[in-house]
Protein backbone atom coordinates (compact mmCIF):
# COMPACT_ATOMS: atom_id res chain seq x y z
CA MET A 1 0.00 0.00 0.00
CA THR A 2 1.49 3.33 -1.06
CA SER A 3 0.55 6.93 -0.43
CA THR A 4 2.19 9.95 -2.09
CA LEU A 5 1.65 13.71 -1.78
CA LEU A 6 2.21 15.39 -5.14
CA HIS A 7 4.37 18.48 -5.33
CA ARG A 8 2.10 21.51 -5.27
CA THR A 9 2.00 23.19 -8.67
CA LEU A 10 -1.06 25.39 -8.11
CA PRO A 11 -1.78 27.12 -4.77
CA LEU A 12 -5.08 25.35 -4.13
CA ASN A 13 -4.26 21.89 -5.48
CA GLN A 14 -2.90 19.32 -3.06
CA PRO A 15 -4.32 15.96 -4.13
CA ARG A 16 -3.02 12.81 -2.47
CA ILE A 17 -2.72 9.52 -4.38
CA HIS A 18 -3.34 6.34 -2.38
CA GLN A 19 -3.36 2.85 -3.87
CA LEU A 20 -4.99 -0.16 -2.22
CA PRO A 21 -3.62 -3.71 -2.43
CA ASN A 22 -6.56 -4.71 -4.65
CA GLY A 23 -5.46 -2.18 -7.28
CA LEU A 24 -7.98 0.59 -6.63
CA THR A 25 -6.40 4.05 -6.77
CA ILE A 26 -7.84 6.80 -4.57
CA VAL A 27 -7.14 10.47 -5.30
CA ALA A 28 -8.24 12.66 -2.38
CA GLU A 29 -8.11 16.37 -1.62
CA GLN A 30 -9.53 18.55 1.14
CA MET A 31 -11.29 21.63 -0.17
CA PRO A 32 -13.39 24.28 1.60
CA GLY A 33 -17.14 24.00 1.23
CA ALA A 34 -20.16 22.17 2.58
CA VAL A 35 -20.09 19.15 0.26
CA VAL A 36 -18.04 16.11 -0.63
CA SER A 37 -17.87 14.91 -4.22
CA PHE A 38 -16.98 11.35 -5.20
CA ASN A 39 -16.27 10.24 -8.77
CA LEU A 40 -15.47 6.64 -9.73
CA TRP A 41 -13.72 6.40 -13.10
CA LEU A 42 -13.38 3.15 -15.06
CA ASN A 43 -10.90 2.72 -17.86
CA VAL A 44 -13.45 1.34 -20.30
CA GLY A 45 -15.60 2.99 -22.94
CA SER A 46 -16.95 2.31 -26.40
CA ALA A 47 -13.50 2.27 -28.00
CA LEU A 48 -12.74 -0.99 -26.20
CA GLU A 49 -15.75 -2.68 -27.73
CA SER A 50 -15.80 -4.58 -30.99
CA ASP A 51 -18.36 -3.87 -33.68
CA GLU A 52 -20.36 -6.86 -32.42
CA ILE A 53 -21.01 -5.27 -29.00
CA ASN A 54 -20.73 -1.57 -29.85
CA GLY A 55 -22.81 0.27 -27.25
CA MET A 56 -22.31 -2.23 -24.43
CA ALA A 57 -20.43 0.15 -22.09
CA HIS A 58 -23.20 2.75 -22.33
CA PHE A 59 -25.98 0.15 -22.00
CA LEU A 60 -24.21 -1.22 -18.88
CA GLU A 61 -24.12 2.28 -17.38
CA HIS A 62 -27.93 2.22 -17.53
CA MET A 63 -28.15 -1.25 -15.98
CA ILE A 64 -25.88 -0.35 -13.06
CA PHE A 65 -28.83 1.41 -11.42
CA LYS A 66 -31.26 -1.54 -11.66
CA GLY A 67 -30.56 -2.96 -8.23
CA THR A 68 -28.18 -5.35 -6.46
CA PRO A 69 -28.69 -8.42 -4.23
CA ASN A 70 -28.70 -6.03 -1.26
CA LEU A 71 -30.42 -3.01 -2.78
CA PRO A 72 -33.74 -3.35 -4.68
CA SER A 73 -34.19 -1.39 -7.87
CA GLY A 74 -35.11 2.21 -7.06
CA GLU A 75 -33.88 2.09 -3.47
CA PHE A 76 -30.54 3.73 -4.28
CA GLU A 77 -32.23 6.69 -5.95
CA ARG A 78 -34.73 7.02 -3.08
CA ARG A 79 -32.00 7.22 -0.45
CA ILE A 80 -29.96 9.66 -2.51
CA GLU A 81 -32.93 11.97 -3.08
CA GLU A 82 -34.09 12.00 0.55
CA ARG A 83 -30.67 13.40 1.52
CA GLY A 84 -30.73 16.01 -1.24
CA ALA A 85 -27.64 14.47 -2.84
CA VAL A 86 -26.89 14.29 -6.57
CA THR A 87 -25.74 11.26 -8.56
CA ASN A 88 -25.32 10.48 -12.24
CA ALA A 89 -23.07 8.73 -14.73
CA ALA A 90 -21.60 9.12 -18.20
CA THR A 91 -19.95 6.96 -20.84
CA SER A 92 -17.55 8.11 -23.55
CA GLN A 93 -15.25 6.51 -26.07
CA ASP A 94 -12.46 6.23 -23.49
CA TYR A 95 -14.07 5.87 -20.04
CA THR A 96 -17.16 5.42 -17.89
CA HIS A 97 -17.66 7.30 -14.64
CA TYR A 98 -20.18 7.47 -11.80
CA TYR A 99 -20.39 10.47 -9.50
CA LEU A 100 -22.00 11.46 -6.24
CA THR A 101 -22.13 14.84 -4.50
CA ALA A 102 -23.50 14.99 -0.96
CA ALA A 103 -23.44 17.11 2.17
CA ALA A 104 -20.29 16.34 4.14
CA GLN A 105 -22.30 14.87 7.04
CA ASP A 106 -24.16 12.49 4.67
CA PHE A 107 -21.22 11.34 2.59
CA GLY A 108 -20.22 8.43 4.83
CA ASP A 109 -23.74 6.96 4.64
CA LEU A 110 -24.25 7.40 0.90
CA LEU A 111 -20.85 6.36 -0.44
CA PRO A 112 -21.36 2.62 0.26
CA LEU A 113 -24.62 2.77 -1.68
CA GLN A 114 -22.90 4.31 -4.71
CA LEU A 115 -20.22 1.62 -4.65
CA GLU A 116 -22.79 -1.12 -4.10
CA VAL A 117 -24.71 -0.32 -7.29
CA VAL A 118 -21.55 -0.04 -9.40
CA LEU A 119 -19.79 -3.15 -8.10
CA ASN A 120 -22.67 -5.54 -7.49
CA ALA A 121 -25.22 -4.77 -10.19
CA CYS A 122 -27.70 -7.63 -10.73
CA MET A 123 -28.61 -7.02 -14.38
CA PRO A 124 -31.73 -9.25 -14.33
CA ASP A 125 -33.13 -10.38 -17.67
CA GLY A 126 -36.42 -8.51 -17.27
CA ALA A 127 -34.78 -5.20 -16.41
CA PHE A 128 -32.33 -5.75 -19.27
CA GLU A 129 -35.18 -5.98 -21.77
CA ARG A 130 -36.96 -2.93 -20.35
CA GLU A 131 -33.78 -0.84 -20.39
CA ARG A 132 -32.97 -1.97 -23.92
CA SER A 133 -36.07 -0.03 -25.01
CA VAL A 134 -34.83 3.05 -23.15
CA VAL A 135 -31.43 2.86 -24.86
CA LEU A 136 -33.02 2.35 -28.27
CA GLU A 137 -35.12 5.46 -27.70
CA GLU A 138 -31.98 7.38 -26.73
CA ILE A 139 -30.37 6.28 -29.99
CA ARG A 140 -33.44 7.38 -31.93
CA ARG A 141 -33.41 10.82 -30.30
CA SER A 142 -29.68 11.16 -30.97
CA GLU A 143 -30.23 10.35 -34.63
CA ASP A 144 -32.99 12.97 -34.77
CA ASN A 145 -30.60 15.65 -33.50
CA PRO A 146 -28.98 17.44 -36.48
CA SER A 147 -25.79 18.31 -34.59
CA ARG A 148 -25.32 14.75 -33.36
CA ARG A 149 -25.94 13.34 -36.85
CA VAL A 150 -23.38 15.66 -38.41
CA TYR A 151 -20.86 14.86 -35.65
CA MET A 152 -21.19 11.11 -36.26
CA GLN A 153 -20.90 11.58 -40.02
CA ALA A 154 -17.76 13.64 -39.44
CA MET A 155 -16.21 10.97 -37.19
CA GLU A 156 -16.97 8.28 -39.76
CA THR A 157 -15.26 10.45 -42.36
CA CYS A 158 -12.30 11.28 -40.13
CA PHE A 159 -11.43 7.68 -39.25
CA GLU A 160 -11.36 4.65 -41.50
CA ARG A 161 -10.53 1.94 -38.92
CA SER A 162 -10.32 3.55 -35.49
CA PRO A 163 -13.00 2.67 -32.90
CA TYR A 164 -13.57 6.42 -32.54
CA ARG A 165 -15.56 6.31 -35.77
CA ARG A 166 -18.35 4.38 -34.01
CA PRO A 167 -21.13 5.84 -31.83
CA VAL A 168 -20.87 5.55 -28.05
CA LEU A 169 -24.55 4.57 -27.92
CA GLY A 170 -24.06 1.86 -30.50
CA PRO A 171 -26.18 1.12 -33.60
CA THR A 172 -29.81 0.06 -33.18
CA GLU A 173 -29.23 -3.36 -34.74
CA VAL A 174 -26.38 -4.15 -32.33
CA ILE A 175 -28.30 -3.09 -29.22
CA GLN A 176 -31.26 -5.19 -30.36
CA GLY A 177 -29.02 -8.27 -30.48
CA LEU A 178 -27.18 -7.94 -27.16
CA ARG A 179 -27.82 -10.58 -24.48
CA PRO A 180 -27.82 -10.19 -20.68
CA GLN A 181 -25.00 -12.68 -20.18
CA GLN A 182 -22.77 -10.72 -22.54
CA MET A 183 -23.26 -7.72 -20.28
CA ARG A 184 -22.55 -9.70 -17.11
CA ASP A 185 -19.31 -10.95 -18.66
CA PHE A 186 -18.38 -7.42 -19.74
CA HIS A 187 -19.00 -6.14 -16.21
CA ALA A 188 -16.98 -8.97 -14.66
CA GLN A 189 -14.03 -8.22 -16.93
CA TRP A 190 -13.84 -4.43 -16.79
CA TYR A 191 -15.39 -3.42 -13.45
CA GLN A 192 -12.32 -4.52 -11.51
CA PRO A 193 -10.43 -2.42 -8.91
CA HIS A 194 -7.27 -2.16 -11.01
CA GLN A 195 -9.37 -0.53 -13.76
CA MET A 196 -10.78 2.08 -11.36
CA THR A 197 -9.78 5.48 -10.04
CA ALA A 198 -11.81 6.89 -7.15
CA ALA A 199 -11.51 10.68 -6.88
CA VAL A 200 -12.91 12.29 -3.73
CA VAL A 201 -12.78 16.00 -2.83
CA GLY A 202 -14.50 17.87 -0.03
CA ASN A 203 -14.32 19.59 3.31
CA LEU A 204 -13.02 16.62 5.30
CA PRO A 205 -9.40 15.77 6.14
CA VAL A 206 -7.67 13.84 3.37
CA GLU A 207 -6.99 10.90 5.67
CA MET A 208 -10.70 10.67 6.50
CA LEU A 209 -11.71 10.83 2.84
CA ILE A 210 -9.31 8.03 1.97
CA GLN A 211 -10.45 5.96 4.92
CA GLN A 212 -14.12 6.34 4.01
CA VAL A 213 -13.51 5.22 0.43
CA GLU A 214 -11.28 2.32 1.50
CA GLU A 215 -13.71 1.06 4.13
CA SER A 216 -16.77 1.47 1.93
CA PHE A 217 -15.11 -0.30 -0.98
CA GLY A 218 -13.98 -3.15 1.24
CA ALA A 219 -17.47 -3.51 2.72
CA VAL A 220 -19.27 -3.99 -0.62
CA TYR A 221 -16.67 -5.46 -2.99
CA GLU A 222 -16.38 -9.22 -3.24
CA PRO A 223 -13.10 -10.14 -4.98
CA ARG A 224 -13.66 -12.03 -8.19
CA SER A 225 -11.34 -13.17 -10.92
CA PRO A 226 -11.85 -11.41 -14.25
CA LEU A 227 -12.67 -13.69 -17.15
CA ASP A 228 -9.55 -15.01 -18.85
CA GLU A 229 -10.91 -13.91 -22.19
CA VAL A 230 -13.93 -11.83 -23.07
CA PRO A 231 -15.05 -12.28 -26.69
CA ASP A 232 -15.47 -9.11 -28.69
CA SER A 233 -13.38 -6.92 -26.36
CA PRO A 234 -10.14 -6.10 -28.20
CA PRO A 235 -7.17 -4.59 -26.31
CA TRP A 236 -5.85 -1.09 -26.94
CA GLU A 237 -2.72 -2.58 -28.47
CA ASP A 238 -4.74 -3.65 -31.50
CA PHE A 239 -5.37 -0.03 -32.47
CA LEU A 240 -2.93 2.28 -34.22
CA ALA A 241 -3.26 6.00 -34.83
CA GLU A 242 -4.30 6.69 -38.41
CA PRO A 243 -1.94 8.79 -40.55
CA PRO A 244 -2.79 12.33 -41.68
CA PHE A 245 -5.06 12.75 -44.70
CA GLU A 246 -3.21 12.78 -48.00
CA GLY A 247 -5.88 14.81 -49.76
CA ILE A 248 -9.41 16.05 -49.25
CA VAL A 249 -11.87 13.29 -48.34
CA ARG A 250 -15.25 14.80 -49.09
CA ARG A 251 -18.67 13.53 -48.03
CA GLU A 252 -21.79 15.35 -49.21
CA LEU A 253 -25.24 14.52 -47.86
CA THR A 254 -28.79 15.79 -48.13
CA ASP A 255 -31.00 16.02 -45.06
CA SER A 256 -34.61 17.17 -45.14
CA ARG A 257 -34.52 17.86 -41.38
CA VAL A 258 -32.00 20.73 -41.52
CA GLN A 259 -32.92 24.27 -42.43
CA GLN A 260 -29.38 25.45 -43.24
CA ALA A 261 -26.32 23.64 -44.51
CA ARG A 262 -23.78 22.20 -42.07
CA LEU A 263 -20.07 22.14 -42.84
CA VAL A 264 -17.48 20.20 -40.84
CA MET A 265 -13.76 19.95 -41.54
CA VAL A 266 -11.60 17.50 -39.55
CA TRP A 267 -7.91 16.70 -39.19
CA ARG A 268 -6.29 13.75 -37.37
CA VAL A 269 -4.06 15.11 -34.62
CA PRO A 270 -2.22 13.76 -31.55
CA GLY A 271 -4.18 12.45 -28.58
CA LEU A 272 -3.44 11.74 -24.91
CA LEU A 273 -0.65 9.34 -25.79
CA GLU A 274 1.23 12.37 -27.19
CA LEU A 275 -0.09 14.89 -24.69
CA GLY A 276 2.76 17.37 -25.09
CA LYS A 277 1.74 17.94 -28.70
CA THR A 278 -1.85 18.84 -27.84
CA TYR A 279 -1.32 22.10 -25.96
CA GLY A 280 -0.46 24.16 -29.02
CA LEU A 281 -3.52 22.75 -30.80
CA ASP A 282 -5.71 23.80 -27.85
CA VAL A 283 -4.46 27.37 -28.16
CA LEU A 284 -4.75 27.36 -31.95
CA ALA A 285 -8.35 26.14 -31.74
CA THR A 286 -9.16 29.09 -29.49
CA LEU A 287 -7.38 31.59 -31.73
CA LEU A 288 -9.14 30.24 -34.78
CA GLY A 289 -12.70 29.70 -33.67
CA GLN A 290 -13.63 30.12 -30.00
CA GLY A 291 -15.25 33.33 -28.90
CA LYS A 292 -16.20 36.59 -30.54
CA LEU A 293 -12.58 37.68 -31.00
CA SER A 294 -11.53 34.52 -32.84
CA ARG A 295 -10.47 34.85 -36.46
CA LEU A 296 -13.19 32.74 -38.05
CA PHE A 297 -15.97 34.36 -36.02
CA ARG A 298 -14.81 37.89 -36.87
CA ASP A 299 -14.19 37.17 -40.55
CA LEU A 300 -16.97 34.78 -41.54
CA ARG A 301 -19.79 35.78 -39.21
CA GLU A 302 -19.26 39.42 -38.23
CA GLU A 303 -17.53 40.95 -41.24
CA ARG A 304 -18.60 38.90 -44.26
CA GLN A 305 -21.74 37.37 -42.71
CA LEU A 306 -21.22 34.08 -44.54
CA VAL A 307 -22.13 31.81 -41.61
CA THR A 308 -24.79 31.71 -38.92
CA SER A 309 -22.42 30.08 -36.45
CA ILE A 310 -18.89 28.69 -36.44
CA GLY A 311 -16.66 27.03 -33.87
CA VAL A 312 -13.44 25.08 -33.50
CA SER A 313 -12.51 22.30 -31.05
CA ASN A 314 -9.39 20.27 -30.44
CA MET A 315 -10.87 16.99 -29.22
CA THR A 316 -8.25 14.91 -27.41
CA TYR A 317 -9.05 11.21 -27.16
CA HIS A 318 -6.76 8.54 -25.74
CA LEU A 319 -5.31 7.14 -28.95
CA GLN A 320 -5.72 10.11 -31.27
CA GLY A 321 -7.31 13.52 -31.46
CA VAL A 322 -9.55 15.37 -33.88
CA PHE A 323 -9.22 19.03 -34.83
CA TYR A 324 -12.83 19.92 -35.61
CA VAL A 325 -14.18 22.99 -37.42
CA ALA A 326 -17.98 23.23 -37.69
CA ALA A 327 -20.22 25.86 -39.26
CA GLN A 328 -23.89 26.41 -39.98
CA LEU A 329 -24.47 28.48 -43.09
CA PRO A 330 -26.56 29.12 -46.21
CA THR A 331 -25.92 26.42 -48.79
CA GLU A 332 -24.64 28.87 -51.39
CA ASN A 333 -21.78 29.91 -49.08
CA VAL A 334 -20.27 26.43 -48.57
CA ALA A 335 -17.48 26.68 -51.13
CA VAL A 336 -16.30 30.15 -50.14
CA VAL A 337 -16.36 29.27 -46.41
CA GLU A 338 -14.36 26.09 -46.98
CA GLU A 339 -11.71 28.06 -48.85
CA ALA A 340 -11.70 30.81 -46.21
CA ILE A 341 -11.06 28.30 -43.42
CA ALA A 342 -8.22 26.75 -45.40
CA GLN A 343 -6.75 30.21 -46.02
CA HIS A 344 -6.82 31.07 -42.33
CA LEU A 345 -4.87 27.88 -41.62
CA ARG A 346 -2.32 28.85 -44.27
CA SER A 347 -1.86 32.18 -42.54
CA PHE A 348 -1.05 30.41 -39.26
CA GLN A 349 1.48 28.26 -41.13
CA GLU A 350 3.13 31.15 -42.94
CA GLU A 351 3.21 33.87 -40.26
CA PRO A 352 3.78 33.66 -36.51
CA VAL A 353 0.78 34.75 -34.51
CA ASN A 354 0.90 38.23 -33.00
CA PRO A 355 2.36 37.91 -29.46
CA LYS A 356 -0.38 40.15 -28.05
CA ASP A 357 -3.09 37.95 -29.53
CA LEU A 358 -1.35 34.87 -28.19
CA ALA A 359 -1.03 36.37 -24.70
CA ARG A 360 -4.74 37.20 -24.67
CA ILE A 361 -5.68 33.67 -25.68
CA GLN A 362 -3.24 32.10 -23.21
CA THR A 363 -4.86 34.05 -20.40
CA GLN A 364 -8.32 33.08 -21.63
CA VAL A 365 -7.52 29.35 -21.95
CA ALA A 366 -5.62 29.12 -18.67
CA ASN A 367 -8.23 31.07 -16.70
CA ARG A 368 -11.08 29.08 -18.20
CA PHE A 369 -9.34 25.93 -16.99
CA VAL A 370 -8.98 27.34 -13.47
CA PHE A 371 -12.57 28.63 -13.35
CA ASN A 372 -13.90 25.27 -14.54
CA ASN A 373 -12.17 23.46 -11.67
CA GLU A 374 -13.27 25.49 -8.66
CA ARG A 375 -15.91 23.13 -7.22
CA PRO A 376 -15.29 19.73 -5.59
CA SER A 377 -17.21 18.00 -8.40
CA ASP A 378 -14.99 19.77 -10.95
CA ARG A 379 -11.86 18.55 -9.18
CA THR A 380 -13.01 14.93 -9.01
CA SER A 381 -13.69 15.03 -12.76
CA LEU A 382 -10.26 16.54 -13.41
CA TYR A 383 -8.32 14.14 -11.21
CA GLY A 384 -10.33 11.08 -12.15
CA TYR A 385 -9.99 11.69 -15.87
CA TYR A 386 -6.24 12.23 -15.94
CA TYR A 387 -5.34 9.46 -13.53
CA CYS A 388 -7.74 7.01 -15.15
CA LYS A 389 -6.28 7.63 -18.61
CA LEU A 390 -2.63 8.47 -17.88
CA ARG A 391 -1.94 7.18 -14.36
CA ASP A 392 -0.52 10.63 -13.75
CA LEU A 393 -1.94 13.80 -12.19
CA GLU A 394 0.83 16.16 -13.23
CA PRO A 395 -0.92 17.19 -16.48
CA ALA A 396 -4.05 18.03 -14.48
CA LEU A 397 -2.09 20.36 -12.22
CA THR A 398 0.17 22.02 -14.76
CA TYR A 399 -2.18 22.70 -17.71
CA PRO A 400 -2.30 26.51 -17.22
CA GLN A 401 1.50 26.72 -17.02
CA ARG A 402 1.88 24.60 -20.16
CA ILE A 403 -0.53 26.86 -22.02
CA GLN A 404 1.34 29.97 -20.83
CA ALA A 405 4.60 28.46 -22.13
CA ILE A 406 3.34 28.20 -25.74
CA THR A 407 5.21 30.50 -28.15
CA PRO A 408 4.25 31.92 -31.57
CA ALA A 409 6.71 29.43 -33.07
CA ASP A 410 4.85 26.58 -31.36
CA ILE A 411 1.55 27.69 -32.92
CA GLN A 412 3.16 27.92 -36.34
CA ASN A 413 4.72 24.48 -35.87
CA VAL A 414 1.50 22.64 -34.95
CA ALA A 415 -0.32 24.32 -37.84
CA GLN A 416 2.40 23.15 -40.24
CA CYS A 417 2.62 19.63 -38.79
CA TYR A 418 -1.03 18.71 -38.35
CA LEU A 419 -3.42 21.09 -40.15
CA ASN A 420 -2.75 20.76 -43.85
CA PRO A 421 -5.14 23.17 -45.63
CA ASP A 422 -5.06 20.88 -48.68
CA ALA A 423 -5.69 17.57 -46.89
CA TYR A 424 -8.56 16.99 -44.48
CA GLY A 425 -11.90 15.27 -44.06
CA MET A 426 -15.01 17.25 -44.92
CA VAL A 427 -18.72 16.69 -44.43
CA VAL A 428 -21.34 18.94 -45.99
CA VAL A 429 -25.00 18.40 -45.17
CA ARG A 430 -27.39 20.36 -47.36
CA PRO A 431 -31.13 20.89 -46.86
CA ALA A 432 -33.15 18.68 -49.18
CA THR A 433 -34.67 21.71 -50.88
CA SER A 434 -31.31 23.20 -51.95
CA ASN A 435 -30.21 23.04 -55.55
């Protein structure tokens, strides 16, 4: 059993890492306030599924709350609500997490319940069938959402083989074919202590927070051996980052449910496995298309009025990232907007960014990071995510400093290396009535 206090890199951050003999890692921090937040992160998401069970991790997240041998279905929610606490869960390509925020005096009573439902879920056949209908409805609503549809079409265009091209919710036909025992096997394999990071932050001494998590986990967890082999669950080692585009891969669609055209341009960029290369892309995304002072917003929306909306994101996944430019616009403006975006990227490649503009964006990005991590629930998300994916908290603590260290030459370099204005993936969705 080991316990380490990280060197303080920000005045208010002093998380402690504590690992249990069973493999569970606890990250704890005392923080002023009236609440305690707990966030259990599991190193499994849709990217670890095969095509045959795509959607299983998300479906399992739903089934976690359908009762245990010691807690009937609905009892967990009733006890949480009567204390005024908050609980929820989320599944992504790279992880699943379950979180609980409660008053400090209630935390010790509610934590064992949260761990009980995650670790000892029953997944009865009847509940499985009822929840399958709920998940299928969620898929239907997602497919009815224009932004979600365009996003999925863009990811399918961006990646040819990567699991990131598939939906987290899974396709309807796959969800319809899943069986309860497949889910029980999936849970037995991946919901193991060594796959988990428990982040806990609140106004209790760190030693007490760690003790409460350790004791609660020990009280509800029954050690079990993971299955030697789980069909349809490929390891990360089977996946390789896809190379940059060699030209423009264009996908044009017609959709009667959209009123204006949608344009998305994507580039394959480094992900968490090459974290040091992502910081410049984060800053460049902000310079290019985040906020009213960004170049694309000023040029294409305010000055030339070619788009209704436009934004840029640098999406950093575990294996690989996606630099994502999205616009909503009149159909007749698609060609000129595509060329304008490419030209703005050329300008970043050819000329270093103005140091004053860079300083403004560095302050904006760094401060946004700090502001978004002020609450205990924010901290548990921050710590849980980074330790779950990287087994390291240093990037969580030093992000503002790394952003402040970016130079104009760094911005020019990432633009030249990763954002070829003549090679990218592009999706255009036009209203059905357009010519």
